[in-house]
Amino acid sequence: VNPVSLKLKTKAIGHVTVTVTGNGGCPVEGATVKAIKTGAIKISPKKVDTDGNGEAAFTITAKKKTGNAKVIFKAGKLKEKVPVKVTK
């Protein structure tokens, strides 16, 4: 997951790329990555399949409220958390 954390101002937009690799570090094409959010953020899309580079791109938008949020990305049995801090 890149970046591993985000700091956004209210109503700002950030981007996260999830890369899925298999044995030997080879990219996995067509793996479904789901995003589950908590807190004052929106995420789009909620799920996407990886491309030929094993990458899935997500857009995170901060709402009007400040505080801490997080996004959990899942691909099969793999799970990664990305903390998001929303400030004014």
C-alpha atoms as a PDB file:
ATOM      1  CA  VAL A   1       0.000   0.000   0.000  1.00  0.00           C
ATOM      2  CA  ASN A   2       1.378   3.380  -0.958  1.00  0.00           C
ATOM      3  CA  PRO A   3       1.313   5.653   0.950  1.00  0.00           C
ATOM      4  CA  VAL A   4       1.089   3.815   4.275  1.00  0.00           C
ATOM      5  CA  SER A   5      -0.741   6.760   5.893  1.00  0.00           C
ATOM      6  CA  LEU A   6      -2.478   9.955   4.778  1.00  0.00           C
ATOM      7  CA  LYS A   7      -2.937  13.416   6.252  1.00  0.00           C
ATOM      8  CA  LEU A   8      -5.662  15.417   4.519  1.00  0.00           C
ATOM      9  CA  LYS A   9      -7.266  18.787   5.105  1.00  0.00           C
ATOM     10  CA  THR A  10     -11.078  18.832   5.212  1.00  0.00           C
ATOM     11  CA  LYS A  11     -12.583  18.349   1.745  1.00  0.00           C
ATOM     12  CA  ALA A  12      -9.139  17.453   0.309  1.00  0.00           C
ATOM     13  CA  ILE A  13      -8.461  14.453  -1.920  1.00  0.00           C
ATOM     14  CA  GLY A  14      -5.717  11.834  -1.588  1.00  0.00           C
ATOM     15  CA  HIS A  15      -4.788   8.766  -3.593  1.00  0.00           C
ATOM     16  CA  VAL A  16      -3.722   5.298  -2.482  1.00  0.00           C
ATOM     17  CA  THR A  17      -2.330   2.532  -4.673  1.00  0.00           C
ATOM     18  CA  VAL A  18      -2.486  -1.087  -3.558  1.00  0.00           C
ATOM     19  CA  THR A  19      -0.096  -3.510  -5.259  1.00  0.00           C
ATOM     20  CA  VAL A  20      -0.808  -7.233  -5.096  1.00  0.00           C
ATOM     21  CA  THR A  21       2.118  -9.568  -5.730  1.00  0.00           C
ATOM     22  CA  GLY A  22       2.365 -13.317  -5.771  1.00  0.00           C
ATOM     23  CA  ASN A  23       5.212 -15.762  -5.323  1.00  0.00           C
ATOM     24  CA  GLY A  24       8.572 -14.268  -6.233  1.00  0.00           C
ATOM     25  CA  GLY A  25       7.152 -10.737  -6.179  1.00  0.00           C
ATOM     26  CA  CYS A  26       5.321 -11.137  -9.497  1.00  0.00           C
ATOM     27  CA  PRO A  27       2.335  -8.780  -9.951  1.00  0.00           C
ATOM     28  CA  VAL A  28      -1.108 -10.389  -9.767  1.00  0.00           C
ATOM     29  CA  GLU A  29      -3.500  -9.176 -12.455  1.00  0.00           C
ATOM     30  CA  GLY A  30      -7.266  -9.412 -11.842  1.00  0.00           C
ATOM     31  CA  ALA A  31      -7.166  -9.693  -8.044  1.00  0.00           C
ATOM     32  CA  THR A  32     -10.136  -7.928  -6.448  1.00  0.00           C
ATOM     33  CA  VAL A  33      -9.152  -5.353  -3.817  1.00  0.00           C
ATOM     34  CA  LYS A  34     -11.934  -4.134  -1.505  1.00  0.00           C
ATOM     35  CA  ALA A  35     -11.785  -0.949   0.572  1.00  0.00           C
ATOM     36  CA  ILE A  36     -13.592  -0.597   3.908  1.00  0.00           C
ATOM     37  CA  LYS A  37     -13.543   2.817   5.576  1.00  0.00           C
ATOM     38  CA  THR A  38     -14.205   4.176   9.042  1.00  0.00           C
ATOM     39  CA  GLY A  39     -14.442   7.830  10.007  1.00  0.00           C
ATOM     40  CA  ALA A  40     -15.060  11.090   8.146  1.00  0.00           C
ATOM     41  CA  ILE A  41     -13.810  10.063   4.702  1.00  0.00           C
ATOM     42  CA  LYS A  42     -15.218   8.799   1.412  1.00  0.00           C
ATOM     43  CA  ILE A  43     -13.454   6.227  -0.740  1.00  0.00           C
ATOM     44  CA  SER A  44     -13.912   5.504  -4.407  1.00  0.00           C
ATOM     45  CA  PRO A  45     -14.202   2.900  -5.772  1.00  0.00           C
ATOM     46  CA  LYS A  46     -15.210   0.476  -3.021  1.00  0.00           C
ATOM     47  CA  LYS A  47     -13.611  -2.404  -4.920  1.00  0.00           C
ATOM     48  CA  VAL A  48     -11.467  -2.717  -8.031  1.00  0.00           C
ATOM     49  CA  ASP A  49      -9.516  -5.418  -9.841  1.00  0.00           C
ATOM     50  CA  THR A  50      -5.755  -5.056 -10.164  1.00  0.00           C
ATOM     51  CA  ASP A  51      -4.277  -4.129 -13.536  1.00  0.00           C
ATOM     52  CA  GLY A  52      -1.388  -5.769 -15.398  1.00  0.00           C
ATOM     53  CA  ASN A  53       1.060  -4.270 -12.884  1.00  0.00           C
ATOM     54  CA  GLY A  54      -0.871  -5.780  -9.957  1.00  0.00           C
ATOM     55  CA  GLU A  55      -2.076  -2.303  -8.933  1.00  0.00           C
ATOM     56  CA  ALA A  56      -5.456  -1.033  -7.778  1.00  0.00           C
ATOM     57  CA  ALA A  57      -5.973   2.740  -7.354  1.00  0.00           C
ATOM     58  CA  PHE A  58      -8.326   4.387  -4.850  1.00  0.00           C
ATOM     59  CA  THR A  59      -9.331   8.013  -4.206  1.00  0.00           C
ATOM     60  CA  ILE A  60      -9.910   9.123  -0.615  1.00  0.00           C
ATOM     61  CA  THR A  61     -11.848  12.331   0.041  1.00  0.00           C
ATOM     62  CA  ALA A  62     -11.964  13.979   3.464  1.00  0.00           C
ATOM     63  CA  LYS A  63     -15.362  15.184   4.617  1.00  0.00           C
ATOM     64  CA  LYS A  64     -16.031  18.379   6.590  1.00  0.00           C
ATOM     65  CA  LYS A  65     -15.262  16.812   9.997  1.00  0.00           C
ATOM     66  CA  THR A  66     -11.741  16.580  11.404  1.00  0.00           C
ATOM     67  CA  GLY A  67     -10.384  13.536  13.216  1.00  0.00           C
ATOM     68  CA  ASN A  68      -8.935  10.113  12.631  1.00  0.00           C
ATOM     69  CA  ALA A  69     -10.179   7.614  10.100  1.00  0.00           C
ATOM     70  CA  LYS A  70      -8.823   4.491   8.454  1.00  0.00           C
ATOM     71  CA  VAL A  71      -9.182   2.417   5.349  1.00  0.00           C
ATOM     72  CA  ILE A  72      -8.774  -1.347   5.359  1.00  0.00           C
ATOM     73  CA  PHE A  73      -7.790  -2.829   2.013  1.00  0.00           C
ATOM     74  CA  LYS A  74      -8.528  -6.536   1.484  1.00  0.00           C
ATOM     75  CA  ALA A  75      -7.381  -8.819  -1.321  1.00  0.00           C
ATOM     76  CA  GLY A  76      -8.228 -12.444  -0.652  1.00  0.00           C
ATOM     77  CA  LYS A  77      -6.848 -13.280   2.799  1.00  0.00           C
ATOM     78  CA  LEU A  78      -4.485 -10.277   2.758  1.00  0.00           C
ATOM     79  CA  LYS A  79      -5.395  -7.147   4.703  1.00  0.00           C
ATOM     80  CA  GLU A  80      -3.647  -3.768   5.104  1.00  0.00           C
ATOM     81  CA  LYS A  81      -4.749  -0.747   7.156  1.00  0.00           C
ATOM     82  CA  VAL A  82      -4.056   2.865   6.181  1.00  0.00           C
ATOM     83  CA  PRO A  83      -4.634   5.507   8.868  1.00  0.00           C
ATOM     84  CA  VAL A  84      -6.021   8.842   7.656  1.00  0.00           C
ATOM     85  CA  LYS A  85      -5.847  12.039   9.710  1.00  0.00           C
ATOM     86  CA  VAL A  86      -8.242  14.837   8.680  1.00  0.00           C
ATOM     87  CA  THR A  87      -7.285  18.362   9.785  1.00  0.00           C
ATOM     88  CA  LYS A  88      -8.551  21.899   9.101  1.00  0.00           C
END
